[in-house]
Amino acid sequence: MTSKTPEQSKLQSWFWATRPFSLSAAVAPVLVGSALAMSVVTLDWLLLAVTLTASVAIQIGTNLTDEYSDHRKHGGAGKLLAPHKVIQRGLLSERAVLTGMIIAFGYGIVGGLFIVSQAGWPILVVGIASVAAAYFYAGGPYPLGNLGLGEPVVFLFMGPVMVMASYFVQVKELTWTGFLISLPVAFIVTAILHCNNLRDINEDREVGKRSFAGWLGITPSRWLYGAFLASAYGIIAGLSGTGTIPAWGALGLLPLPFAYDTVRKVFAANDRPAMMVVMVRSAKLHGWTGVMLAAGLAIASF
């Protein structure tokens, strides 16, 4: 069996540091907003590519910020030794992660400025707010994610803000339909974070980190997770059934059996590794639902 070269090992370490299972949170909103725009305009594919890659860069920057700040403050004590805990596992240094964070945010800012040059100043406002939210969610002296504001911030910025901004980049206007179609995306991405906080509920309480899970407790938090997913698919069904979006949008309901099974696993998970599995499944659910919903909107535009 061939051993890995140092370069291969380092590349794999960076792969895990980006938390690839979470990147659907950056991709799905852009695809849904852009697919909705196809019913109004011919897509500018360069703008779509830059929007997508800049969004992923900001998400990676946020993940690296969380890894860096969490290790600096707590040394990873009490945390599940997941693959993305690259500093705690000795795979990457604090300095390397900090450098990666700067590069990721740097590309996100440069990409954002290009989009502003094409779409106008409203995107600049959104971009500044998004970068600030991404940084202060996990970094700074008072991280928002530690103050019980993680779920509202993620719901707002990874749902309505991203979907509507992606639509605006192409169409240069906003609609209520764009807001409504963003809600399923927002509910599922918030479910990912809520699952993470449910997994870490005891450890977060020990270090004073606040979250919905910490406030509600384990059993109510499981029901809240189910409510997030039920809301997402209920909205898709309602929008497609009433003609608010094309009937093809109902393709977003295809992952519903997987969602049901994931909710069952949330109620059955009794330890941190089991909850980690559910969190990864939640991220996949978010990605698949976003892709299917976007595909349905795109098909309807032809």
C-alpha atoms as a PDB file:
ATOM      1  CA  MET A   1       0.000   0.000   0.000  1.00  0.00           C
ATOM      2  CA  THR A   2       1.521   3.329  -1.078  1.00  0.00           C
ATOM      3  CA  SER A   3       1.937   5.875   1.712  1.00  0.00           C
ATOM      4  CA  LYS A   4       0.871   9.455   1.198  1.00  0.00           C
ATOM      5  CA  THR A   5       3.437  12.097   0.353  1.00  0.00           C
ATOM      6  CA  PRO A   6       3.707  15.147   2.666  1.00  0.00           C
ATOM      7  CA  GLU A   7       2.019  17.200  -0.050  1.00  0.00           C
ATOM      8  CA  GLN A   8      -0.918  14.781  -0.237  1.00  0.00           C
ATOM      9  CA  SER A   9      -1.293  14.747   3.547  1.00  0.00           C
ATOM     10  CA  LYS A  10      -1.217  18.550   3.697  1.00  0.00           C
ATOM     11  CA  LEU A  11      -3.802  18.795   0.928  1.00  0.00           C
ATOM     12  CA  GLN A  12      -6.055  16.347   2.750  1.00  0.00           C
ATOM     13  CA  SER A  13      -5.667  18.389   5.945  1.00  0.00           C
ATOM     14  CA  TRP A  14      -6.807  21.534   4.132  1.00  0.00           C
ATOM     15  CA  PHE A  15      -9.681  19.586   2.618  1.00  0.00           C
ATOM     16  CA  TRP A  16     -10.988  18.711   6.077  1.00  0.00           C
ATOM     17  CA  ALA A  17     -10.250  22.203   7.409  1.00  0.00           C
ATOM     18  CA  THR A  18     -12.713  23.670   4.900  1.00  0.00           C
ATOM     19  CA  ARG A  19     -15.434  21.393   6.368  1.00  0.00           C
ATOM     20  CA  PRO A  20     -16.625  20.240   2.945  1.00  0.00           C
ATOM     21  CA  PHE A  21     -19.870  18.834   4.338  1.00  0.00           C
ATOM     22  CA  SER A  22     -20.910  22.422   5.176  1.00  0.00           C
ATOM     23  CA  LEU A  23     -20.265  23.983   1.772  1.00  0.00           C
ATOM     24  CA  SER A  24     -23.760  23.202   0.502  1.00  0.00           C
ATOM     25  CA  ALA A  25     -24.776  26.126   2.714  1.00  0.00           C
ATOM     26  CA  ALA A  26     -22.881  28.407   0.320  1.00  0.00           C
ATOM     27  CA  VAL A  27     -23.911  26.705  -2.916  1.00  0.00           C
ATOM     28  CA  ALA A  28     -27.639  25.989  -2.554  1.00  0.00           C
ATOM     29  CA  PRO A  29     -28.796  29.614  -1.991  1.00  0.00           C
ATOM     30  CA  VAL A  30     -26.874  30.866  -5.024  1.00  0.00           C
ATOM     31  CA  LEU A  31     -28.285  28.115  -7.245  1.00  0.00           C
ATOM     32  CA  VAL A  32     -31.868  28.720  -6.089  1.00  0.00           C
ATOM     33  CA  GLY A  33     -31.684  32.508  -6.489  1.00  0.00           C
ATOM     34  CA  SER A  34     -30.006  32.252  -9.886  1.00  0.00           C
ATOM     35  CA  ALA A  35     -32.435  29.587 -11.128  1.00  0.00           C
ATOM     36  CA  LEU A  36     -35.366  31.808 -10.157  1.00  0.00           C
ATOM     37  CA  ALA A  37     -33.759  34.623 -12.181  1.00  0.00           C
ATOM     38  CA  MET A  38     -33.782  32.421 -15.289  1.00  0.00           C
ATOM     39  CA  SER A  39     -37.526  33.007 -15.624  1.00  0.00           C
ATOM     40  CA  VAL A  40     -36.849  36.724 -16.056  1.00  0.00           C
ATOM     41  CA  VAL A  41     -33.458  37.152 -17.771  1.00  0.00           C
ATOM     42  CA  THR A  42     -30.752  35.212 -19.562  1.00  0.00           C
ATOM     43  CA  LEU A  43     -28.169  34.322 -16.950  1.00  0.00           C
ATOM     44  CA  ASP A  44     -24.798  36.039 -16.939  1.00  0.00           C
ATOM     45  CA  TRP A  45     -22.692  32.915 -16.424  1.00  0.00           C
ATOM     46  CA  LEU A  46     -19.549  34.807 -15.427  1.00  0.00           C
ATOM     47  CA  LEU A  47     -21.462  36.597 -12.690  1.00  0.00           C
ATOM     48  CA  LEU A  48     -22.922  33.286 -11.567  1.00  0.00           C
ATOM     49  CA  ALA A  49     -19.465  31.687 -11.405  1.00  0.00           C
ATOM     50  CA  VAL A  50     -18.017  34.564  -9.386  1.00  0.00           C
ATOM     51  CA  THR A  51     -21.039  34.676  -7.083  1.00  0.00           C
ATOM     52  CA  LEU A  52     -20.801  30.946  -6.458  1.00  0.00           C
ATOM     53  CA  THR A  53     -17.049  30.838  -5.819  1.00  0.00           C
ATOM     54  CA  ALA A  54     -17.086  33.979  -3.666  1.00  0.00           C
ATOM     55  CA  SER A  55     -19.908  32.507  -1.609  1.00  0.00           C
ATOM     56  CA  VAL A  56     -17.952  29.289  -1.082  1.00  0.00           C
ATOM     57  CA  ALA A  57     -14.856  31.322  -0.146  1.00  0.00           C
ATOM     58  CA  ILE A  58     -16.784  33.229   2.518  1.00  0.00           C
ATOM     59  CA  GLN A  59     -18.132  29.960   3.915  1.00  0.00           C
ATOM     60  CA  ILE A  60     -14.627  28.489   4.040  1.00  0.00           C
ATOM     61  CA  GLY A  61     -13.367  31.654   5.723  1.00  0.00           C
ATOM     62  CA  THR A  62     -16.119  31.338   8.319  1.00  0.00           C
ATOM     63  CA  ASN A  63     -15.224  27.690   8.961  1.00  0.00           C
ATOM     64  CA  LEU A  64     -11.537  28.504   9.359  1.00  0.00           C
ATOM     65  CA  THR A  65     -12.391  31.396  11.671  1.00  0.00           C
ATOM     66  CA  ASP A  66     -14.423  29.038  13.835  1.00  0.00           C
ATOM     67  CA  GLU A  67     -11.578  26.513  13.924  1.00  0.00           C
ATOM     68  CA  TYR A  68      -8.990  29.177  14.742  1.00  0.00           C
ATOM     69  CA  SER A  69     -10.960  31.092  17.381  1.00  0.00           C
ATOM     70  CA  ASP A  70     -12.298  27.941  19.052  1.00  0.00           C
ATOM     71  CA  HIS A  71      -8.804  26.532  19.425  1.00  0.00           C
ATOM     72  CA  ARG A  72      -7.359  29.824  20.623  1.00  0.00           C
ATOM     73  CA  LYS A  73      -9.986  30.170  23.347  1.00  0.00           C
ATOM     74  CA  HIS A  74     -10.507  26.604  24.488  1.00  0.00           C
ATOM     75  CA  GLY A  75      -7.733  24.549  22.888  1.00  0.00           C
ATOM     76  CA  GLY A  76     -10.462  22.234  21.611  1.00  0.00           C
ATOM     77  CA  ALA A  77     -10.945  20.922  25.150  1.00  0.00           C
ATOM     78  CA  GLY A  78     -14.088  18.823  25.471  1.00  0.00           C
ATOM     79  CA  LYS A  79     -14.897  19.019  21.776  1.00  0.00           C
ATOM     80  CA  LEU A  80     -15.489  16.012  19.554  1.00  0.00           C
ATOM     81  CA  LEU A  81     -12.241  15.234  17.755  1.00  0.00           C
ATOM     82  CA  ALA A  82     -13.863  15.513  14.326  1.00  0.00           C
ATOM     83  CA  PRO A  83     -11.812  15.401  11.090  1.00  0.00           C
ATOM     84  CA  HIS A  84     -12.089  19.186  10.682  1.00  0.00           C
ATOM     85  CA  LYS A  85     -10.358  19.827  14.033  1.00  0.00           C
ATOM     86  CA  VAL A  86      -7.078  20.176  12.175  1.00  0.00           C
ATOM     87  CA  ILE A  87      -5.274  22.315  14.768  1.00  0.00           C
ATOM     88  CA  GLN A  88      -6.210  20.100  17.697  1.00  0.00           C
ATOM     89  CA  ARG A  89      -5.141  17.023  15.720  1.00  0.00           C
ATOM     90  CA  GLY A  90      -1.802  18.638  14.879  1.00  0.00           C
ATOM     91  CA  LEU A  91      -2.413  18.621  11.126  1.00  0.00           C
ATOM     92  CA  LEU A  92      -2.207  22.381  10.582  1.00  0.00           C
ATOM     93  CA  SER A  93      -0.768  25.168  12.698  1.00  0.00           C
ATOM     94  CA  GLU A  94      -2.743  28.111  14.038  1.00  0.00           C
ATOM     95  CA  ARG A  95      -0.738  30.385  11.758  1.00  0.00           C
ATOM     96  CA  ALA A  96      -1.579  28.296   8.689  1.00  0.00           C
ATOM     97  CA  VAL A  97      -5.301  28.325   9.485  1.00  0.00           C
ATOM     98  CA  LEU A  98      -5.186  32.091  10.077  1.00  0.00           C
ATOM     99  CA  THR A  99      -3.473  32.555   6.714  1.00  0.00           C
ATOM    100  CA  GLY A 100      -6.074  30.385   5.013  1.00  0.00           C
ATOM    101  CA  MET A 101      -8.822  32.425   6.647  1.00  0.00           C
ATOM    102  CA  ILE A 102      -7.338  35.677   5.309  1.00  0.00           C
ATOM    103  CA  ILE A 103      -6.975  34.236   1.799  1.00  0.00           C
ATOM    104  CA  ALA A 104     -10.550  32.904   1.765  1.00  0.00           C
ATOM    105  CA  PHE A 105     -12.069  36.173   2.953  1.00  0.00           C
ATOM    106  CA  GLY A 106      -9.747  38.050   0.590  1.00  0.00           C
ATOM    107  CA  TYR A 107     -11.040  36.186  -2.438  1.00  0.00           C
ATOM    108  CA  GLY A 108     -14.592  36.608  -1.228  1.00  0.00           C
ATOM    109  CA  ILE A 109     -14.066  40.372  -0.985  1.00  0.00           C
ATOM    110  CA  VAL A 110     -12.387  40.635  -4.403  1.00  0.00           C
ATOM    111  CA  GLY A 111     -15.137  38.553  -5.999  1.00  0.00           C
ATOM    112  CA  GLY A 112     -17.720  40.689  -4.236  1.00  0.00           C
ATOM    113  CA  LEU A 113     -16.183  43.895  -5.581  1.00  0.00           C
ATOM    114  CA  PHE A 114     -16.342  42.517  -9.109  1.00  0.00           C
ATOM    115  CA  ILE A 115     -20.012  41.697  -8.609  1.00  0.00           C
ATOM    116  CA  VAL A 116     -20.604  45.220  -7.261  1.00  0.00           C
ATOM    117  CA  SER A 117     -19.029  46.659 -10.414  1.00  0.00           C
ATOM    118  CA  GLN A 118     -21.603  44.749 -12.450  1.00  0.00           C
ATOM    119  CA  ALA A 119     -24.693  44.829 -10.225  1.00  0.00           C
ATOM    120  CA  GLY A 120     -24.391  48.094  -8.308  1.00  0.00           C
ATOM    121  CA  TRP A 121     -24.018  49.419  -4.756  1.00  0.00           C
ATOM    122  CA  PRO A 122     -26.798  47.353  -3.093  1.00  0.00           C
ATOM    123  CA  ILE A 123     -24.583  44.306  -3.469  1.00  0.00           C
ATOM    124  CA  LEU A 124     -21.756  46.214  -1.744  1.00  0.00           C
ATOM    125  CA  VAL A 125     -23.985  46.731   1.286  1.00  0.00           C
ATOM    126  CA  VAL A 126     -24.970  43.056   1.291  1.00  0.00           C
ATOM    127  CA  GLY A 127     -21.346  41.991   0.834  1.00  0.00           C
ATOM    128  CA  ILE A 128     -20.045  44.079   3.719  1.00  0.00           C
ATOM    129  CA  ALA A 129     -22.822  42.855   5.988  1.00  0.00           C
ATOM    130  CA  SER A 130     -22.224  39.227   4.967  1.00  0.00           C
ATOM    131  CA  VAL A 131     -18.456  39.348   5.544  1.00  0.00           C
ATOM    132  CA  ALA A 132     -19.008  41.069   8.889  1.00  0.00           C
ATOM    133  CA  ALA A 133     -21.597  38.471   9.899  1.00  0.00           C
ATOM    134  CA  ALA A 134     -19.316  35.642   8.768  1.00  0.00           C
ATOM    135  CA  TYR A 135     -16.412  36.958  10.847  1.00  0.00           C
ATOM    136  CA  PHE A 136     -18.326  38.013  13.954  1.00  0.00           C
ATOM    137  CA  TYR A 137     -20.321  34.786  13.947  1.00  0.00           C
ATOM    138  CA  ALA A 138     -17.240  32.885  15.112  1.00  0.00           C
ATOM    139  CA  GLY A 139     -14.581  35.548  15.732  1.00  0.00           C
ATOM    140  CA  GLY A 140     -14.117  38.793  17.602  1.00  0.00           C
ATOM    141  CA  PRO A 141     -14.359  39.312  21.371  1.00  0.00           C
ATOM    142  CA  TYR A 142     -18.042  38.341  21.504  1.00  0.00           C
ATOM    143  CA  PRO A 143     -18.808  35.771  18.772  1.00  0.00           C
ATOM    144  CA  LEU A 144     -22.468  35.877  17.773  1.00  0.00           C
ATOM    145  CA  GLY A 145     -22.539  32.094  17.687  1.00  0.00           C
ATOM    146  CA  ASN A 146     -21.692  32.072  21.417  1.00  0.00           C
ATOM    147  CA  LEU A 147     -24.421  34.557  22.342  1.00  0.00           C
ATOM    148  CA  GLY A 148     -27.443  32.576  21.197  1.00  0.00           C
ATOM    149  CA  LEU A 149     -27.633  34.497  17.917  1.00  0.00           C
ATOM    150  CA  GLY A 150     -26.197  31.763  15.713  1.00  0.00           C
ATOM    151  CA  GLU A 151     -29.516  30.403  14.465  1.00  0.00           C
ATOM    152  CA  PRO A 152     -31.095  33.802  13.598  1.00  0.00           C
ATOM    153  CA  VAL A 153     -27.918  35.007  11.866  1.00  0.00           C
ATOM    154  CA  VAL A 154     -27.554  31.820   9.821  1.00  0.00           C
ATOM    155  CA  PHE A 155     -31.269  31.802   8.940  1.00  0.00           C
ATOM    156  CA  LEU A 156     -31.146  35.399   7.694  1.00  0.00           C
ATOM    157  CA  PHE A 157     -27.818  35.459   5.865  1.00  0.00           C
ATOM    158  CA  MET A 158     -27.729  31.898   4.490  1.00  0.00           C
ATOM    159  CA  GLY A 159     -31.366  32.097   3.441  1.00  0.00           C
ATOM    160  CA  PRO A 160     -33.095  35.334   2.371  1.00  0.00           C
ATOM    161  CA  VAL A 161     -29.940  37.445   2.035  1.00  0.00           C
ATOM    162  CA  MET A 162     -28.030  34.972  -0.151  1.00  0.00           C
ATOM    163  CA  VAL A 163     -30.957  33.814  -2.280  1.00  0.00           C
ATOM    164  CA  MET A 164     -32.286  37.321  -2.899  1.00  0.00           C
ATOM    165  CA  ALA A 165     -28.814  38.743  -3.511  1.00  0.00           C
ATOM    166  CA  SER A 166     -28.112  36.007  -6.094  1.00  0.00           C
ATOM    167  CA  TYR A 167     -31.394  36.882  -7.792  1.00  0.00           C
ATOM    168  CA  PHE A 168     -30.613  40.608  -7.670  1.00  0.00           C
ATOM    169  CA  VAL A 169     -27.168  40.107  -9.233  1.00  0.00           C
ATOM    170  CA  GLN A 170     -28.865  38.762 -12.356  1.00  0.00           C
ATOM    171  CA  VAL A 171     -32.143  40.754 -12.455  1.00  0.00           C
ATOM    172  CA  LYS A 172     -31.244  43.987 -10.579  1.00  0.00           C
ATOM    173  CA  GLU A 173     -34.473  43.928  -8.590  1.00  0.00           C
ATOM    174  CA  LEU A 174     -36.090  42.091  -5.672  1.00  0.00           C
ATOM    175  CA  THR A 175     -39.406  40.253  -5.477  1.00  0.00           C
ATOM    176  CA  TRP A 176     -41.529  38.662  -2.775  1.00  0.00           C
ATOM    177  CA  THR A 177     -41.235  35.376  -4.628  1.00  0.00           C
ATOM    178  CA  GLY A 178     -37.476  35.538  -4.104  1.00  0.00           C
ATOM    179  CA  PHE A 179     -38.029  35.988  -0.390  1.00  0.00           C
ATOM    180  CA  LEU A 180     -40.533  33.144  -0.134  1.00  0.00           C
ATOM    181  CA  ILE A 181     -38.384  30.700  -2.096  1.00  0.00           C
ATOM    182  CA  SER A 182     -35.472  31.505   0.220  1.00  0.00           C
ATOM    183  CA  LEU A 183     -37.300  30.256   3.320  1.00  0.00           C
ATOM    184  CA  PRO A 184     -36.889  26.490   2.687  1.00  0.00           C
ATOM    185  CA  VAL A 185     -33.168  27.082   2.150  1.00  0.00           C
ATOM    186  CA  ALA A 186     -33.023  29.076   5.391  1.00  0.00           C
ATOM    187  CA  PHE A 187     -34.876  26.497   7.468  1.00  0.00           C
ATOM    188  CA  ILE A 188     -32.687  23.574   6.386  1.00  0.00           C
ATOM    189  CA  VAL A 189     -29.383  25.409   6.822  1.00  0.00           C
ATOM    190  CA  THR A 190     -30.524  26.471  10.295  1.00  0.00           C
ATOM    191  CA  ALA A 191     -31.323  22.822  11.001  1.00  0.00           C
ATOM    192  CA  ILE A 192     -27.670  21.982  10.246  1.00  0.00           C
ATOM    193  CA  LEU A 193     -26.449  24.488  12.826  1.00  0.00           C
ATOM    194  CA  HIS A 194     -29.090  23.425  15.339  1.00  0.00           C
ATOM    195  CA  CYS A 195     -27.991  19.802  14.957  1.00  0.00           C
ATOM    196  CA  ASN A 196     -24.385  20.870  15.590  1.00  0.00           C
ATOM    197  CA  ASN A 197     -25.436  22.718  18.745  1.00  0.00           C
ATOM    198  CA  LEU A 198     -27.525  19.764  19.885  1.00  0.00           C
ATOM    199  CA  ARG A 199     -24.489  17.526  19.487  1.00  0.00           C
ATOM    200  CA  ASP A 200     -22.340  19.894  21.577  1.00  0.00           C
ATOM    201  CA  ILE A 201     -25.024  20.890  24.087  1.00  0.00           C
ATOM    202  CA  ASN A 202     -23.173  19.765  27.228  1.00  0.00           C
ATOM    203  CA  GLU A 203     -19.776  21.054  26.151  1.00  0.00           C
ATOM    204  CA  ASP A 204     -21.201  24.428  25.104  1.00  0.00           C
ATOM    205  CA  ARG A 205     -22.918  24.829  28.460  1.00  0.00           C
ATOM    206  CA  GLU A 206     -19.619  24.197  30.227  1.00  0.00           C
ATOM    207  CA  VAL A 207     -17.869  27.030  28.359  1.00  0.00           C
ATOM    208  CA  GLY A 208     -20.844  29.392  28.501  1.00  0.00           C
ATOM    209  CA  LYS A 209     -21.808  29.185  24.834  1.00  0.00           C
ATOM    210  CA  ARG A 210     -25.508  29.889  24.280  1.00  0.00           C
ATOM    211  CA  SER A 211     -27.743  28.335  21.644  1.00  0.00           C
ATOM    212  CA  PHE A 212     -31.341  27.345  21.075  1.00  0.00           C
ATOM    213  CA  ALA A 213     -30.385  23.771  21.989  1.00  0.00           C
ATOM    214  CA  GLY A 214     -28.851  24.908  25.262  1.00  0.00           C
ATOM    215  CA  TRP A 215     -31.942  26.892  26.172  1.00  0.00           C
ATOM    216  CA  LEU A 216     -34.498  24.274  25.168  1.00  0.00           C
ATOM    217  CA  GLY A 217     -32.833  21.046  26.209  1.00  0.00           C
ATOM    218  CA  ILE A 218     -32.377  17.825  24.258  1.00  0.00           C
ATOM    219  CA  THR A 219     -35.933  16.577  23.638  1.00  0.00           C
ATOM    220  CA  PRO A 220     -37.502  19.947  22.683  1.00  0.00           C
ATOM    221  CA  SER A 221     -34.479  20.593  20.461  1.00  0.00           C
ATOM    222  CA  ARG A 222     -35.136  17.367  18.591  1.00  0.00           C
ATOM    223  CA  TRP A 223     -38.699  18.494  17.960  1.00  0.00           C
ATOM    224  CA  LEU A 224     -37.433  21.901  16.822  1.00  0.00           C
ATOM    225  CA  TYR A 225     -35.136  20.181  14.327  1.00  0.00           C
ATOM    226  CA  GLY A 226     -38.106  18.311  12.922  1.00  0.00           C
ATOM    227  CA  ALA A 227     -40.087  21.557  12.767  1.00  0.00           C
ATOM    228  CA  PHE A 228     -37.335  23.216  10.742  1.00  0.00           C
ATOM    229  CA  LEU A 229     -37.452  20.472   8.124  1.00  0.00           C
ATOM    230  CA  ALA A 230     -41.244  20.263   8.111  1.00  0.00           C
ATOM    231  CA  SER A 231     -41.416  24.016   7.539  1.00  0.00           C
ATOM    232  CA  ALA A 232     -38.977  23.809   4.631  1.00  0.00           C
ATOM    233  CA  TYR A 233     -40.855  21.122   2.728  1.00  0.00           C
ATOM    234  CA  GLY A 234     -44.251  22.519   3.667  1.00  0.00           C
ATOM    235  CA  ILE A 235     -43.279  25.848   2.094  1.00  0.00           C
ATOM    236  CA  ILE A 236     -42.016  24.173  -1.099  1.00  0.00           C
ATOM    237  CA  ALA A 237     -45.271  22.229  -1.369  1.00  0.00           C
ATOM    238  CA  GLY A 238     -47.319  25.344  -0.712  1.00  0.00           C
ATOM    239  CA  LEU A 239     -45.465  27.545  -3.192  1.00  0.00           C
ATOM    240  CA  SER A 240     -45.552  24.981  -6.006  1.00  0.00           C
ATOM    241  CA  GLY A 241     -49.121  23.922  -5.243  1.00  0.00           C
ATOM    242  CA  THR A 242     -50.492  27.479  -5.322  1.00  0.00           C
ATOM    243  CA  GLY A 243     -48.609  28.502  -8.446  1.00  0.00           C
ATOM    244  CA  THR A 244     -46.414  31.013  -6.618  1.00  0.00           C
ATOM    245  CA  ILE A 245     -43.524  29.155  -8.200  1.00  0.00           C
ATOM    246  CA  PRO A 246     -43.764  26.777 -11.179  1.00  0.00           C
ATOM    247  CA  ALA A 247     -45.046  23.278 -10.471  1.00  0.00           C
ATOM    248  CA  TRP A 248     -41.593  22.005 -11.436  1.00  0.00           C
ATOM    249  CA  GLY A 249     -40.416  23.524  -8.148  1.00  0.00           C
ATOM    250  CA  ALA A 250     -41.972  20.480  -6.477  1.00  0.00           C
ATOM    251  CA  LEU A 251     -38.771  18.643  -7.468  1.00  0.00           C
ATOM    252  CA  GLY A 252     -37.474  20.150  -4.248  1.00  0.00           C
ATOM    253  CA  LEU A 253     -39.670  17.640  -2.417  1.00  0.00           C
ATOM    254  CA  LEU A 254     -37.770  14.634  -3.765  1.00  0.00           C
ATOM    255  CA  PRO A 255     -35.418  14.441  -0.728  1.00  0.00           C
ATOM    256  CA  LEU A 256     -38.438  14.308   1.619  1.00  0.00           C
ATOM    257  CA  PRO A 257     -38.052  10.565   2.446  1.00  0.00           C
ATOM    258  CA  PHE A 258     -34.394  11.182   3.322  1.00  0.00           C
ATOM    259  CA  ALA A 259     -35.502  14.122   5.479  1.00  0.00           C
ATOM    260  CA  TYR A 260     -38.022  11.940   7.326  1.00  0.00           C
ATOM    261  CA  ASP A 261     -35.368   9.315   7.982  1.00  0.00           C
ATOM    262  CA  THR A 262     -32.959  11.999   9.198  1.00  0.00           C
ATOM    263  CA  VAL A 263     -35.519  13.277  11.713  1.00  0.00           C
ATOM    264  CA  ARG A 264     -35.918   9.710  12.975  1.00  0.00           C
ATOM    265  CA  LYS A 265     -32.160   9.502  13.433  1.00  0.00           C
ATOM    266  CA  VAL A 266     -32.132  12.774  15.403  1.00  0.00           C
ATOM    267  CA  PHE A 267     -34.532  11.227  17.907  1.00  0.00           C
ATOM    268  CA  ALA A 268     -32.514   7.996  18.031  1.00  0.00           C
ATOM    269  CA  ALA A 269     -29.059   9.621  18.370  1.00  0.00           C
ATOM    270  CA  ASN A 270     -27.838   9.328  21.945  1.00  0.00           C
ATOM    271  CA  ASP A 271     -24.170  10.210  21.624  1.00  0.00           C
ATOM    272  CA  ARG A 272     -21.988  12.769  19.860  1.00  0.00           C
ATOM    273  CA  PRO A 273     -20.708  10.543  17.008  1.00  0.00           C
ATOM    274  CA  ALA A 274     -24.302   9.579  16.144  1.00  0.00           C
ATOM    275  CA  MET A 275     -25.322  13.241  16.144  1.00  0.00           C
ATOM    276  CA  MET A 276     -22.319  14.033  13.936  1.00  0.00           C
ATOM    277  CA  VAL A 277     -23.686  11.559  11.389  1.00  0.00           C
ATOM    278  CA  VAL A 278     -27.037  13.337  11.510  1.00  0.00           C
ATOM    279  CA  MET A 279     -25.352  16.705  10.984  1.00  0.00           C
ATOM    280  CA  VAL A 280     -23.588  15.447   7.856  1.00  0.00           C
ATOM    281  CA  ARG A 281     -26.878  14.003   6.611  1.00  0.00           C
ATOM    282  CA  SER A 282     -28.506  17.382   7.245  1.00  0.00           C
ATOM    283  CA  ALA A 283     -25.876  19.102   5.107  1.00  0.00           C
ATOM    284  CA  LYS A 284     -26.476  16.590   2.303  1.00  0.00           C
ATOM    285  CA  LEU A 285     -30.211  17.180   2.646  1.00  0.00           C
ATOM    286  CA  HIS A 286     -29.664  20.916   2.297  1.00  0.00           C
ATOM    287  CA  GLY A 287     -27.550  20.445  -0.811  1.00  0.00           C
ATOM    288  CA  TRP A 288     -29.875  17.961  -2.499  1.00  0.00           C
ATOM    289  CA  THR A 289     -32.971  20.018  -1.761  1.00  0.00           C
ATOM    290  CA  GLY A 290     -31.328  23.182  -3.053  1.00  0.00           C
ATOM    291  CA  VAL A 291     -30.154  21.482  -6.242  1.00  0.00           C
ATOM    292  CA  MET A 292     -33.535  19.855  -6.881  1.00  0.00           C
ATOM    293  CA  LEU A 293     -35.426  23.074  -6.217  1.00  0.00           C
ATOM    294  CA  ALA A 294     -33.066  25.023  -8.468  1.00  0.00           C
ATOM    295  CA  ALA A 295     -33.347  22.349 -11.160  1.00  0.00           C
ATOM    296  CA  GLY A 296     -37.126  22.579 -11.077  1.00  0.00           C
ATOM    297  CA  LEU A 297     -37.058  26.379 -11.407  1.00  0.00           C
ATOM    298  CA  ALA A 298     -34.524  26.165 -14.229  1.00  0.00           C
ATOM    299  CA  ILE A 299     -36.534  23.538 -16.151  1.00  0.00           C
ATOM    300  CA  ALA A 300     -39.657  25.682 -15.877  1.00  0.00           C
ATOM    301  CA  SER A 301     -37.860  28.639 -17.478  1.00  0.00           C
ATOM    302  CA  PHE A 302     -37.276  26.775 -20.769  1.00  0.00           C
END
